Protein backbone atom coordinates (compact mmCIF):
# COMPACT_ATOMS: atom_id res chain seq x y z
CA MET A 1 67.00 15.44 -43.52
CA THR A 2 69.39 13.12 -41.51
CA SER A 3 71.07 10.21 -43.47
CA GLN A 4 69.43 7.83 -40.46
CA THR A 5 66.68 5.18 -41.52
CA VAL A 6 63.60 3.85 -39.75
CA PRO A 7 64.57 0.19 -38.27
CA ALA A 8 62.58 -2.92 -39.70
CA LEU A 9 61.53 -3.44 -35.85
CA SER A 10 59.43 -0.25 -36.24
CA PHE A 11 57.52 -1.32 -39.22
CA VAL A 12 56.44 -4.48 -37.53
CA THR A 13 55.05 -2.69 -34.46
CA MET A 14 53.31 -0.06 -37.07
CA GLY A 15 51.78 -3.12 -38.93
CA ILE A 16 50.70 -4.13 -35.39
CA SER A 17 48.99 -1.21 -34.61
CA ILE A 18 47.19 -1.61 -38.00
CA LEU A 19 45.89 -5.06 -37.15
CA PHE A 20 44.36 -3.76 -33.87
CA GLY A 21 42.93 -0.76 -35.67
CA ILE A 22 40.91 -2.96 -37.78
CA ALA A 23 40.18 -5.61 -34.77
CA ILE A 24 39.09 -3.69 -32.06
CA PRO A 25 36.36 -2.25 -34.25
CA VAL A 26 35.53 -5.62 -35.43
CA GLY A 27 36.06 -7.41 -32.47
CA LEU A 28 33.49 -5.37 -30.41
CA PHE A 29 30.91 -5.52 -33.15
CA ILE A 30 30.93 -9.42 -33.50
CA TYR A 31 30.84 -9.68 -29.45
CA TYR A 32 28.17 -7.88 -28.73
CA ARG A 33 26.07 -8.81 -31.92
CA LYS A 34 26.66 -12.53 -31.15
CA LYS A 35 26.27 -12.22 -27.26
CA TYR A 36 23.38 -9.66 -26.89
CA ASP A 37 22.21 -9.81 -30.20
CA CYS A 38 22.76 -6.02 -30.49
CA LYS A 39 21.52 -4.26 -33.56
CA ILE A 40 23.84 -3.16 -36.46
CA LYS A 41 22.21 0.51 -36.47
CA PRO A 42 23.87 1.77 -32.97
CA PHE A 43 27.08 0.61 -34.29
CA ILE A 44 27.06 2.17 -37.47
CA THR A 45 25.31 5.37 -35.49
CA GLY A 46 28.26 5.49 -33.11
CA PHE A 47 30.92 5.52 -36.20
CA ALA A 48 29.27 8.55 -37.53
CA ILE A 49 28.93 10.46 -34.52
CA PHE A 50 32.34 10.28 -33.74
CA ALA A 51 33.35 11.27 -37.36
CA ILE A 52 30.91 14.43 -37.42
CA PHE A 53 31.33 15.59 -33.95
CA ALA A 54 35.00 14.79 -33.15
CA LEU A 55 36.74 15.04 -36.35
CA VAL A 56 34.41 17.59 -38.09
CA LEU A 57 32.66 20.21 -35.90
CA GLU A 58 35.31 20.03 -33.02
CA ARG A 59 38.20 20.57 -35.17
CA ILE A 60 36.13 23.17 -37.36
CA PHE A 61 36.03 25.06 -33.72
CA HIS A 62 39.67 24.40 -32.72
CA THR A 63 40.52 26.21 -36.42
CA ILE A 64 38.45 29.14 -35.33
CA THR A 65 39.49 29.67 -31.77
CA LEU A 66 43.06 28.48 -31.97
CA GLY A 67 44.25 30.35 -35.17
CA GLY A 68 46.50 32.86 -35.49
CA GLY A 69 49.09 31.48 -33.22
CA ARG A 70 46.70 31.04 -30.33
CA GLN A 71 47.24 27.33 -29.97
CA GLN A 72 50.75 28.03 -29.31
CA ALA A 73 50.19 30.66 -26.53
CA LEU A 74 47.71 27.96 -24.95
CA MET A 75 50.36 25.38 -25.29
CA ALA A 76 52.73 27.35 -23.23
CA LYS A 77 50.37 26.91 -20.58
CA PRO A 78 49.80 22.95 -20.24
CA VAL A 79 46.87 22.80 -17.46
CA LEU A 80 44.95 25.22 -19.74
CA TYR A 81 45.50 23.56 -22.41
CA GLY A 82 44.69 20.09 -21.13
CA LEU A 83 41.17 21.80 -19.71
CA TYR A 84 40.34 23.55 -22.89
CA GLY A 85 41.25 20.11 -24.85
CA GLY A 86 39.21 17.78 -22.60
CA PHE A 87 36.57 20.28 -22.21
CA MET A 88 35.91 20.85 -26.04
CA ALA A 89 36.12 16.71 -26.44
CA GLY A 90 33.92 16.24 -23.65
CA PHE A 91 31.07 18.80 -24.87
CA PHE A 92 31.29 17.78 -28.66
CA GLU A 93 31.08 13.57 -28.05
CA GLU A 94 28.51 13.85 -25.45
CA THR A 95 26.28 16.27 -27.19
CA GLY A 96 27.07 14.00 -30.37
CA ARG A 97 25.60 10.93 -28.34
CA LEU A 98 22.85 12.71 -26.47
CA LEU A 99 21.28 14.12 -30.02
CA ALA A 100 22.15 10.20 -31.52
CA PHE A 101 19.91 8.41 -28.79
CA LYS A 102 17.13 11.57 -28.64
CA THR A 103 16.76 10.99 -32.48
CA ILE A 104 18.06 8.09 -34.57
CA LEU A 105 18.13 5.54 -31.89
CA GLU A 106 15.17 6.85 -29.87
CA LYS A 107 13.38 4.06 -30.87
CA SER A 108 15.56 1.86 -29.22
CA GLN A 109 15.15 2.93 -26.32
CA ASP A 110 13.26 -0.27 -24.70
CA ASN A 111 16.67 -2.08 -25.31
CA ASP A 112 19.58 -0.82 -22.92
CA ASN A 113 21.96 -2.90 -24.80
CA THR A 114 21.81 -0.27 -27.63
CA ALA A 115 24.01 2.19 -25.43
CA LEU A 116 26.66 -0.98 -25.51
CA MET A 117 26.59 -1.14 -29.13
CA TYR A 118 26.87 2.48 -29.83
CA GLY A 119 29.43 2.82 -27.48
CA ALA A 120 31.43 0.19 -29.33
CA GLY A 121 30.88 1.81 -32.45
CA HIS A 122 31.80 5.27 -31.18
CA GLY A 123 35.03 3.65 -29.24
CA GLY A 124 35.90 1.43 -32.29
CA PHE A 125 35.71 4.04 -34.72
CA GLU A 126 38.41 6.06 -32.74
CA ALA A 127 40.51 3.12 -32.27
CA PHE A 128 40.25 2.67 -36.37
CA TYR A 129 41.11 6.24 -36.86
CA LEU A 130 44.21 6.63 -34.37
CA LEU A 131 45.72 3.26 -34.78
CA PHE A 132 45.17 2.58 -38.39
CA ALA A 133 45.28 5.82 -40.49
CA THR A 134 48.13 7.08 -38.02
CA ALA A 135 50.15 3.96 -38.60
CA VAL A 136 49.58 4.33 -42.38
CA SER A 137 50.65 7.70 -42.35
CA ASN A 138 53.81 6.74 -40.38
CA ILE A 139 54.55 3.99 -42.79
CA VAL A 140 54.39 5.83 -45.68
CA MET A 141 56.75 8.36 -44.20
CA ALA A 142 59.22 5.58 -42.84
CA VAL A 143 59.39 4.33 -46.36
CA MET A 144 60.14 7.84 -47.97
CA ILE A 145 62.95 8.29 -45.28
CA ASN A 146 64.38 4.68 -45.77
CA SER A 147 64.39 5.54 -49.78
CA GLY A 148 65.86 8.82 -49.53
CA ASN A 149 62.56 10.62 -50.80
CA THR A 150 61.67 13.14 -47.81
CA GLN A 151 61.90 15.83 -50.37
CA ALA A 152 58.81 14.70 -52.07
CA LEU A 153 57.25 15.56 -48.62
CA THR A 154 58.79 18.82 -47.82
CA ALA A 155 59.30 20.14 -51.33
CA ASN A 156 56.19 22.39 -51.50
CA LEU A 157 55.94 23.31 -47.63
CA THR A 158 57.18 26.57 -45.98
CA GLY A 159 57.06 28.06 -42.83
CA GLU A 160 55.17 26.13 -39.51
CA LYS A 161 54.01 23.36 -42.19
CA LEU A 162 57.79 22.49 -43.05
CA ILE A 163 58.95 22.81 -39.52
CA ALA A 164 56.23 20.45 -38.31
CA THR A 165 56.81 18.11 -41.05
CA GLN A 166 60.67 18.01 -40.78
CA GLN A 167 60.01 17.19 -37.00
CA LEU A 168 57.45 14.61 -37.63
CA LEU A 169 60.36 12.54 -39.98
CA THR A 170 62.66 13.17 -37.15
CA THR A 171 60.50 11.69 -34.54
CA ILE A 172 59.56 8.49 -36.59
CA ILE A 173 63.25 7.86 -36.86
CA SER A 174 64.05 8.43 -33.24
CA THR A 175 61.00 6.81 -31.61
CA HIS A 176 61.62 3.69 -30.17
CA PRO A 177 59.96 0.78 -32.21
CA LEU A 178 57.93 -0.64 -29.17
CA THR A 179 56.55 3.00 -28.55
CA PHE A 180 54.58 2.74 -31.96
CA CYS A 181 52.50 -0.12 -29.90
CA ALA A 182 51.81 2.10 -27.38
CA GLY A 183 48.49 3.50 -29.13
CA VAL A 184 47.54 -0.37 -28.71
CA ILE A 185 47.77 -0.46 -25.12
CA GLU A 186 45.98 2.96 -24.87
CA ARG A 187 42.87 1.74 -26.68
CA ILE A 188 41.63 -0.69 -24.43
CA PRO A 189 40.89 1.76 -21.51
CA SER A 190 39.91 4.29 -24.07
CA VAL A 191 37.42 2.11 -25.58
CA ALA A 192 36.13 0.99 -21.92
CA ILE A 193 35.39 4.65 -21.09
CA HIS A 194 33.61 5.23 -24.42
CA ILE A 195 31.25 2.42 -23.74
CA SER A 196 31.09 3.50 -20.27
CA LEU A 197 30.07 7.25 -21.12
CA SER A 198 27.81 5.81 -23.84
CA ILE A 199 26.12 3.87 -21.08
CA ILE A 200 25.92 7.18 -18.73
CA VAL A 201 24.64 9.61 -21.40
CA TRP A 202 21.87 6.86 -22.95
CA PHE A 203 20.02 7.12 -19.11
CA ALA A 204 20.32 10.66 -19.40
CA ALA A 205 18.27 10.62 -22.97
CA LYS A 206 16.25 7.87 -21.88
CA ASN A 207 14.87 9.62 -18.71
CA LYS A 208 14.32 13.18 -18.04
CA ARG A 209 15.12 12.98 -14.47
CA ASN A 210 18.67 11.93 -14.96
CA TRP A 211 19.36 14.97 -16.97
CA TYR A 212 22.48 15.53 -15.02
CA PHE A 213 24.03 12.35 -16.43
CA TYR A 214 24.75 14.20 -19.61
CA PRO A 215 26.89 17.11 -17.92
CA LEU A 216 28.35 14.29 -15.49
CA ALA A 217 29.80 12.37 -18.61
CA ILE A 218 30.92 15.69 -20.11
CA LEU A 219 32.73 16.30 -16.74
CA LEU A 220 34.38 12.54 -16.47
CA HIS A 221 35.39 13.28 -20.35
CA LEU A 222 36.91 16.76 -19.62
CA ILE A 223 39.00 14.98 -16.46
CA VAL A 224 40.41 12.35 -18.65
CA ASP A 225 41.42 14.23 -21.57
CA ALA A 226 42.53 17.03 -19.41
CA ILE A 227 44.81 14.93 -17.34
CA ALA A 228 46.10 12.96 -20.61
CA GLY A 229 46.51 16.21 -22.63
CA THR A 230 48.63 18.06 -19.95
CA ILE A 231 51.04 15.56 -18.89
CA SER A 232 51.45 14.85 -22.46
CA ILE A 233 52.91 18.25 -23.46
CA MET A 234 54.65 18.12 -19.87
CA ASN A 235 56.72 15.09 -21.66
CA VAL A 236 55.46 12.89 -18.66
CA ASN A 237 57.08 9.25 -19.06
CA VAL A 238 54.24 7.19 -21.41
CA VAL A 239 54.20 4.46 -18.90
CA LEU A 240 52.94 6.83 -16.39
CA ILE A 241 50.30 8.06 -18.77
CA GLU A 242 49.34 4.96 -19.46
CA VAL A 243 48.52 3.85 -15.57
CA ILE A 244 46.68 7.30 -14.93
CA LEU A 245 44.61 6.38 -17.87
CA TYR A 246 43.83 2.86 -16.79
CA ILE A 247 43.04 4.37 -13.21
CA CYS A 248 40.56 6.97 -14.73
CA ALA A 249 39.04 4.33 -17.06
CA GLY A 250 38.57 1.91 -14.09
CA ILE A 251 36.68 4.73 -12.04
CA ILE A 252 34.42 5.82 -15.07
CA VAL A 253 33.57 2.14 -15.62
CA PHE A 254 32.48 1.70 -12.06
CA VAL A 255 30.36 4.80 -12.30
CA ALA A 256 28.81 3.00 -15.35
CA TYR A 257 28.11 -0.12 -13.70
CA LYS A 258 26.84 1.64 -10.99
CA ILE A 259 24.21 3.75 -12.99
CA TRP A 260 23.64 0.39 -15.12
CA ARG A 261 22.82 -1.54 -12.12
CA LYS A 262 20.44 0.92 -10.99
CA PHE A 263 18.39 1.99 -13.73
CA SER A 264 19.03 -0.87 -16.45
CA CYS A 265 16.23 -3.20 -17.63
CA ASN A 266 18.92 -5.71 -18.56
CA LYS A 267 20.61 -5.62 -14.91
CA SER A 268 22.45 -8.87 -15.57
CA GLN A 269 23.92 -7.61 -18.59
CA ILE A 270 27.04 -5.42 -18.14
CA ASP A 271 29.94 -6.01 -20.07
CA VAL A 272 31.51 -2.67 -21.06
């Protein structure tokens, strides 16, 4: 490994990510709890569904379908890789929402604010996982880099795992400190998207005549993730990626707003 070290400012920005990783879900919970008197159950359900469907089931599927070098082959085709990742994320997460609304939260269908609180839990947990967990991992590695103990991370690794770990260490050293805050900026539209998609799927679960809102949510999720995944592989400027994400979020929020206004019993309440 290189003798370079991670600058102090990087530790500060990583710490900021940790704070936001906690503040986003806690803030969303307090906001919807106090403003709309939302129940705790939908929030916890959103947490659990994201963990089970996105972090467990989807990953198991990826392990099966992308093993044996197939992931590298697919990544060589950014558009196909983006479409694959976008569809899988959309299918697993929106299916998880639908099942949650049809089972665990079925008795809450008389209160449309349940969709908002669920979305806060779903999107809040993703923010916590991506910001908090990633930043903690980066800080641990950065400390080991600066103390000259990277051998402890790579000693028992071989092949692709060794190469990946060495690349990660190099990336942490070379990344501009402010880049570690990019995830915080990204979480704002991402949370808005999760709450909006929860609204869309909520009305699919609540009324059989609106069944097509479920595939609509999958399609919207696919489009956002496919675009983000594709341009990320192509090493597009991070600022452009964020701009595109905000535009996509605005479109999805608008779709959810129109659906809420048409079908909700709480038409005066549309804070997404």
